[in-house]
Amino acid sequence: MNAIEDTRPSRGAIGLRLLYTVLYLVVFEVLKWVIQVTVLFQYVYLLISRSYSMPLMNFSNKAATYAYKVMRYVTLNDTIRPFPFSDFPNEMEKPDIPVKFD
């Protein structure tokens, strides 16, 4: 009878994944600040010009997608390391245009 192959990860692989997770948690904290600044800037721009900045809207949408990918990786729901170890993710959803203020 053949020995059953152990498919559990090694402790070394778990430790390496933990190190990447800690790195991505730091990246996520920085990313949260970047998103907060873009939100505030978008509202200031909106109050002054009464229209939104499309480049900033596209950037914040990509940043939100990246944050989602980082969270999937650190919560062990994805095995692919996010950017910079892989390509920057594409937008999951396009922004709503026009934005409604109901």
N, C-alpha and C. Protein backbone atom coordinates (compact mmCIF):
# COMPACT_ATOMS: atom_id res chain seq x y z
N MET A 1 0.84 -1.17 0.00
CA MET A 1 0.00 0.00 0.00
C MET A 1 0.89 1.24 0.00
N ASN A 2 0.56 2.19 -0.87
CA ASN A 2 1.34 3.42 -0.97
C ASN A 2 1.09 4.33 0.22
N ALA A 3 2.15 5.01 0.59
CA ALA A 3 2.01 5.98 1.69
C ALA A 3 1.16 7.15 1.21
N ILE A 4 0.29 7.61 2.06
CA ILE A 4 -0.55 8.76 1.72
C ILE A 4 0.32 10.01 1.81
N GLU A 5 0.31 10.77 0.73
CA GLU A 5 1.13 11.97 0.67
C GLU A 5 0.50 13.05 1.56
N ASP A 6 1.34 13.66 2.38
CA ASP A 6 0.88 14.71 3.28
C ASP A 6 0.76 16.02 2.49
N THR A 7 -0.45 16.55 2.39
CA THR A 7 -0.68 17.77 1.62
C THR A 7 -0.70 19.01 2.49
N ARG A 8 -0.46 18.84 3.77
CA ARG A 8 -0.43 20.00 4.66
C ARG A 8 0.83 20.81 4.39
N PRO A 9 0.74 22.15 4.53
CA PRO A 9 1.92 22.98 4.27
C PRO A 9 2.96 22.81 5.38
N SER A 10 4.21 23.04 5.02
CA SER A 10 5.27 22.95 6.02
C SER A 10 5.25 24.18 6.91
N ARG A 11 5.88 24.06 8.06
CA ARG A 11 5.94 25.21 8.97
C ARG A 11 6.74 26.35 8.35
N GLY A 12 7.72 26.03 7.55
CA GLY A 12 8.50 27.06 6.87
C GLY A 12 7.63 27.85 5.88
N ALA A 13 6.79 27.13 5.14
CA ALA A 13 5.88 27.80 4.20
C ALA A 13 4.87 28.66 4.94
N ILE A 14 4.39 28.17 6.08
CA ILE A 14 3.44 28.95 6.88
C ILE A 14 4.12 30.20 7.42
N GLY A 15 5.36 30.08 7.89
CA GLY A 15 6.10 31.22 8.41
C GLY A 15 6.35 32.27 7.33
N LEU A 16 6.69 31.80 6.12
CA LEU A 16 6.91 32.73 5.01
C LEU A 16 5.62 33.45 4.65
N ARG A 17 4.52 32.72 4.62
CA ARG A 17 3.22 33.34 4.33
C ARG A 17 2.88 34.36 5.42
N LEU A 18 3.20 34.06 6.67
CA LEU A 18 2.96 34.99 7.76
C LEU A 18 3.76 36.28 7.57
N LEU A 19 5.01 36.16 7.14
CA LEU A 19 5.83 37.35 6.89
C LEU A 19 5.23 38.21 5.77
N TYR A 20 4.79 37.57 4.70
CA TYR A 20 4.13 38.31 3.62
C TYR A 20 2.84 38.96 4.12
N THR A 21 2.11 38.26 4.97
CA THR A 21 0.87 38.79 5.51
C THR A 21 1.14 40.05 6.34
N VAL A 22 2.16 40.02 7.18
CA VAL A 22 2.51 41.20 7.98
C VAL A 22 2.90 42.36 7.05
N LEU A 23 3.66 42.08 6.01
CA LEU A 23 4.03 43.10 5.03
C LEU A 23 2.79 43.70 4.39
N TYR A 24 1.85 42.86 3.97
CA TYR A 24 0.64 43.35 3.32
C TYR A 24 -0.29 44.07 4.29
N LEU A 25 -0.25 43.73 5.56
CA LEU A 25 -1.05 44.48 6.52
C LEU A 25 -0.52 45.91 6.67
N VAL A 26 0.79 46.08 6.60
CA VAL A 26 1.38 47.43 6.61
C VAL A 26 0.98 48.18 5.34
N VAL A 27 1.06 47.49 4.20
CA VAL A 27 0.65 48.09 2.93
C VAL A 27 -0.82 48.50 3.00
N PHE A 28 -1.65 47.67 3.60
CA PHE A 28 -3.07 47.97 3.71
C PHE A 28 -3.32 49.21 4.56
N GLU A 29 -2.57 49.36 5.65
CA GLU A 29 -2.72 50.56 6.49
C GLU A 29 -2.36 51.82 5.71
N VAL A 30 -1.29 51.77 4.93
CA VAL A 30 -0.92 52.91 4.09
C VAL A 30 -2.00 53.16 3.04
N LEU A 31 -2.50 52.11 2.46
CA LEU A 31 -3.54 52.21 1.44
C LEU A 31 -4.81 52.83 2.01
N LYS A 32 -5.14 52.52 3.25
CA LYS A 32 -6.32 53.13 3.88
C LYS A 32 -6.16 54.64 3.96
N TRP A 33 -4.97 55.10 4.32
CA TRP A 33 -4.72 56.55 4.39
C TRP A 33 -4.82 57.18 3.00
N VAL A 34 -4.28 56.52 2.01
CA VAL A 34 -4.35 57.05 0.64
C VAL A 34 -5.80 57.17 0.20
N ILE A 35 -6.60 56.17 0.48
CA ILE A 35 -8.02 56.22 0.09
C ILE A 35 -8.74 57.33 0.86
N GLN A 36 -8.44 57.49 2.13
CA GLN A 36 -9.08 58.55 2.91
C GLN A 36 -8.73 59.93 2.36
N VAL A 37 -7.49 60.14 1.98
CA VAL A 37 -7.08 61.43 1.41
C VAL A 37 -7.78 61.65 0.07
N THR A 38 -7.88 60.62 -0.76
CA THR A 38 -8.56 60.80 -2.05
C THR A 38 -10.04 61.09 -1.86
N VAL A 39 -10.66 60.49 -0.86
CA VAL A 39 -12.08 60.77 -0.59
C VAL A 39 -12.25 62.23 -0.18
N LEU A 40 -11.43 62.68 0.74
CA LEU A 40 -11.52 64.07 1.18
C LEU A 40 -11.26 65.04 0.03
N PHE A 41 -10.23 64.77 -0.76
CA PHE A 41 -9.92 65.63 -1.90
C PHE A 41 -11.07 65.63 -2.91
N GLN A 42 -11.65 64.47 -3.16
CA GLN A 42 -12.77 64.39 -4.11
C GLN A 42 -13.95 65.23 -3.64
N TYR A 43 -14.26 65.20 -2.34
CA TYR A 43 -15.37 66.01 -1.84
C TYR A 43 -15.05 67.50 -1.87
N VAL A 44 -13.82 67.88 -1.57
CA VAL A 44 -13.44 69.29 -1.67
C VAL A 44 -13.56 69.74 -3.12
N TYR A 45 -13.06 68.93 -4.02
CA TYR A 45 -13.17 69.24 -5.45
C TYR A 45 -14.63 69.33 -5.87
N LEU A 46 -15.44 68.42 -5.38
CA LEU A 46 -16.86 68.40 -5.71
C LEU A 46 -17.58 69.64 -5.17
N LEU A 47 -17.25 70.05 -3.96
CA LEU A 47 -17.87 71.24 -3.39
C LEU A 47 -17.49 72.51 -4.15
N ILE A 48 -16.25 72.58 -4.61
CA ILE A 48 -15.78 73.77 -5.32
C ILE A 48 -16.31 73.80 -6.75
N SER A 49 -16.15 72.71 -7.48
CA SER A 49 -16.48 72.72 -8.91
C SER A 49 -17.88 72.17 -9.22
N ARG A 50 -18.51 71.52 -8.23
CA ARG A 50 -19.83 70.88 -8.40
C ARG A 50 -19.80 69.78 -9.45
N SER A 51 -18.62 69.24 -9.73
CA SER A 51 -18.46 68.04 -10.56
C SER A 51 -17.31 67.24 -9.97
N TYR A 52 -17.27 65.96 -10.29
CA TYR A 52 -16.25 65.10 -9.70
C TYR A 52 -15.07 64.94 -10.66
N SER A 53 -13.95 64.59 -10.09
CA SER A 53 -12.73 64.39 -10.87
C SER A 53 -12.70 62.93 -11.35
N MET A 54 -12.83 62.75 -12.65
CA MET A 54 -12.81 61.38 -13.21
C MET A 54 -11.47 60.68 -12.99
N PRO A 55 -10.31 61.36 -13.19
CA PRO A 55 -9.05 60.66 -12.91
C PRO A 55 -8.95 60.20 -11.45
N LEU A 56 -9.41 61.04 -10.53
CA LEU A 56 -9.37 60.66 -9.13
C LEU A 56 -10.36 59.54 -8.83
N MET A 57 -11.50 59.57 -9.49
CA MET A 57 -12.49 58.51 -9.32
C MET A 57 -11.93 57.17 -9.83
N ASN A 58 -11.27 57.18 -10.97
CA ASN A 58 -10.68 55.96 -11.51
C ASN A 58 -9.56 55.45 -10.62
N PHE A 59 -8.71 56.37 -10.10
CA PHE A 59 -7.64 55.97 -9.20
C PHE A 59 -8.19 55.33 -7.94
N SER A 60 -9.20 55.97 -7.34
CA SER A 60 -9.74 55.43 -6.09
C SER A 60 -10.44 54.08 -6.32
N ASN A 61 -11.02 53.89 -7.49
CA ASN A 61 -11.64 52.60 -7.82
C ASN A 61 -10.57 51.51 -7.92
N LYS A 62 -9.44 51.82 -8.55
CA LYS A 62 -8.34 50.85 -8.64
C LYS A 62 -7.74 50.59 -7.27
N ALA A 63 -7.62 51.63 -6.45
CA ALA A 63 -7.08 51.45 -5.10
C ALA A 63 -8.00 50.57 -4.26
N ALA A 64 -9.31 50.74 -4.43
CA ALA A 64 -10.27 49.90 -3.70
C ALA A 64 -10.17 48.44 -4.14
N THR A 65 -9.98 48.23 -5.44
CA THR A 65 -9.81 46.86 -5.95
C THR A 65 -8.54 46.24 -5.39
N TYR A 66 -7.46 47.03 -5.34
CA TYR A 66 -6.20 46.54 -4.79
C TYR A 66 -6.36 46.20 -3.30
N ALA A 67 -7.06 47.06 -2.56
CA ALA A 67 -7.29 46.79 -1.14
C ALA A 67 -8.07 45.49 -0.95
N TYR A 68 -9.04 45.26 -1.83
CA TYR A 68 -9.82 44.02 -1.77
C TYR A 68 -8.91 42.81 -2.01
N LYS A 69 -8.03 42.90 -2.99
CA LYS A 69 -7.12 41.79 -3.27
C LYS A 69 -6.17 41.54 -2.11
N VAL A 70 -5.68 42.61 -1.48
CA VAL A 70 -4.80 42.46 -0.32
C VAL A 70 -5.54 41.77 0.82
N MET A 71 -6.77 42.19 1.08
CA MET A 71 -7.54 41.58 2.17
C MET A 71 -7.84 40.10 1.89
N ARG A 72 -8.09 39.75 0.64
CA ARG A 72 -8.31 38.34 0.32
C ARG A 72 -7.04 37.53 0.59
N TYR A 73 -5.87 38.11 0.29
CA TYR A 73 -4.62 37.39 0.51
C TYR A 73 -4.34 37.22 2.00
N VAL A 74 -4.48 38.29 2.79
CA VAL A 74 -4.11 38.19 4.21
C VAL A 74 -5.11 37.34 5.00
N THR A 75 -6.33 37.20 4.50
CA THR A 75 -7.31 36.36 5.20
C THR A 75 -7.31 34.92 4.68
N LEU A 76 -6.30 34.57 3.91
CA LEU A 76 -6.10 33.22 3.37
C LEU A 76 -7.20 32.78 2.41
N ASN A 77 -7.84 33.74 1.75
CA ASN A 77 -8.86 33.42 0.76
C ASN A 77 -8.33 33.45 -0.66
N ASP A 78 -7.05 33.79 -0.82
CA ASP A 78 -6.42 33.84 -2.14
C ASP A 78 -4.96 33.45 -1.97
N THR A 79 -4.43 32.71 -2.92
CA THR A 79 -3.04 32.28 -2.81
C THR A 79 -2.09 33.12 -3.65
N ILE A 80 -2.63 33.95 -4.52
CA ILE A 80 -1.79 34.78 -5.38
C ILE A 80 -1.42 36.05 -4.62
N ARG A 81 -0.10 36.31 -4.49
CA ARG A 81 0.33 37.52 -3.81
C ARG A 81 -0.04 38.74 -4.65
N PRO A 82 -0.60 39.76 -4.00
CA PRO A 82 -0.96 40.97 -4.74
C PRO A 82 0.27 41.75 -5.21
N PHE A 83 0.02 42.82 -5.94
CA PHE A 83 1.06 43.72 -6.42
C PHE A 83 1.95 44.09 -5.24
N PRO A 84 3.23 44.15 -5.34
CA PRO A 84 4.13 44.16 -6.49
C PRO A 84 4.63 42.78 -6.91
N PHE A 85 4.12 41.71 -6.30
CA PHE A 85 4.57 40.37 -6.67
C PHE A 85 3.78 39.80 -7.84
N SER A 86 2.73 40.47 -8.24
CA SER A 86 1.96 40.11 -9.42
C SER A 86 1.48 41.40 -10.07
N ASP A 87 0.75 41.29 -11.15
CA ASP A 87 0.27 42.48 -11.84
C ASP A 87 -0.73 43.24 -10.97
N PHE A 88 -0.77 44.57 -11.19
CA PHE A 88 -1.76 45.39 -10.49
C PHE A 88 -3.14 44.95 -10.96
N PRO A 89 -4.09 44.77 -10.04
CA PRO A 89 -5.40 44.23 -10.45
C PRO A 89 -6.19 45.20 -11.32
N ASN A 90 -6.98 44.65 -12.21
CA ASN A 90 -7.91 45.45 -13.00
C ASN A 90 -9.10 45.82 -12.14
N GLU A 91 -9.83 46.83 -12.57
CA GLU A 91 -11.03 47.22 -11.85
C GLU A 91 -12.04 46.08 -11.86
N MET A 92 -12.67 45.84 -10.72
CA MET A 92 -13.70 44.82 -10.66
C MET A 92 -15.01 45.36 -11.23
N GLU A 93 -15.32 46.60 -10.91
CA GLU A 93 -16.53 47.25 -11.39
C GLU A 93 -16.19 48.66 -11.84
N LYS A 94 -16.87 49.11 -12.84
CA LYS A 94 -16.70 50.50 -13.29
C LYS A 94 -17.45 51.42 -12.32
N PRO A 95 -16.98 52.67 -12.19
CA PRO A 95 -17.69 53.62 -11.32
C PRO A 95 -19.07 53.94 -11.88
N ASP A 96 -20.00 54.25 -10.96
CA ASP A 96 -21.33 54.71 -11.40
C ASP A 96 -21.22 56.12 -11.95
N ILE A 97 -21.72 56.28 -13.15
CA ILE A 97 -21.72 57.62 -13.76
C ILE A 97 -23.09 57.87 -14.32
N PRO A 98 -23.74 58.93 -14.00
CA PRO A 98 -23.32 59.96 -13.03
C PRO A 98 -23.59 59.51 -11.60
N VAL A 99 -22.86 60.12 -10.68
CA VAL A 99 -23.06 59.85 -9.27
C VAL A 99 -24.32 60.61 -8.84
N LYS A 100 -25.21 59.94 -8.11
CA LYS A 100 -26.45 60.57 -7.67
C LYS A 100 -26.37 60.87 -6.18
N PHE A 101 -26.93 61.98 -5.80
CA PHE A 101 -26.94 62.42 -4.41
C PHE A 101 -28.37 62.46 -3.89
N ASP A 102 -28.97 61.32 -3.75
CA ASP A 102 -30.35 61.22 -3.28
C ASP A 102 -30.41 61.16 -1.78
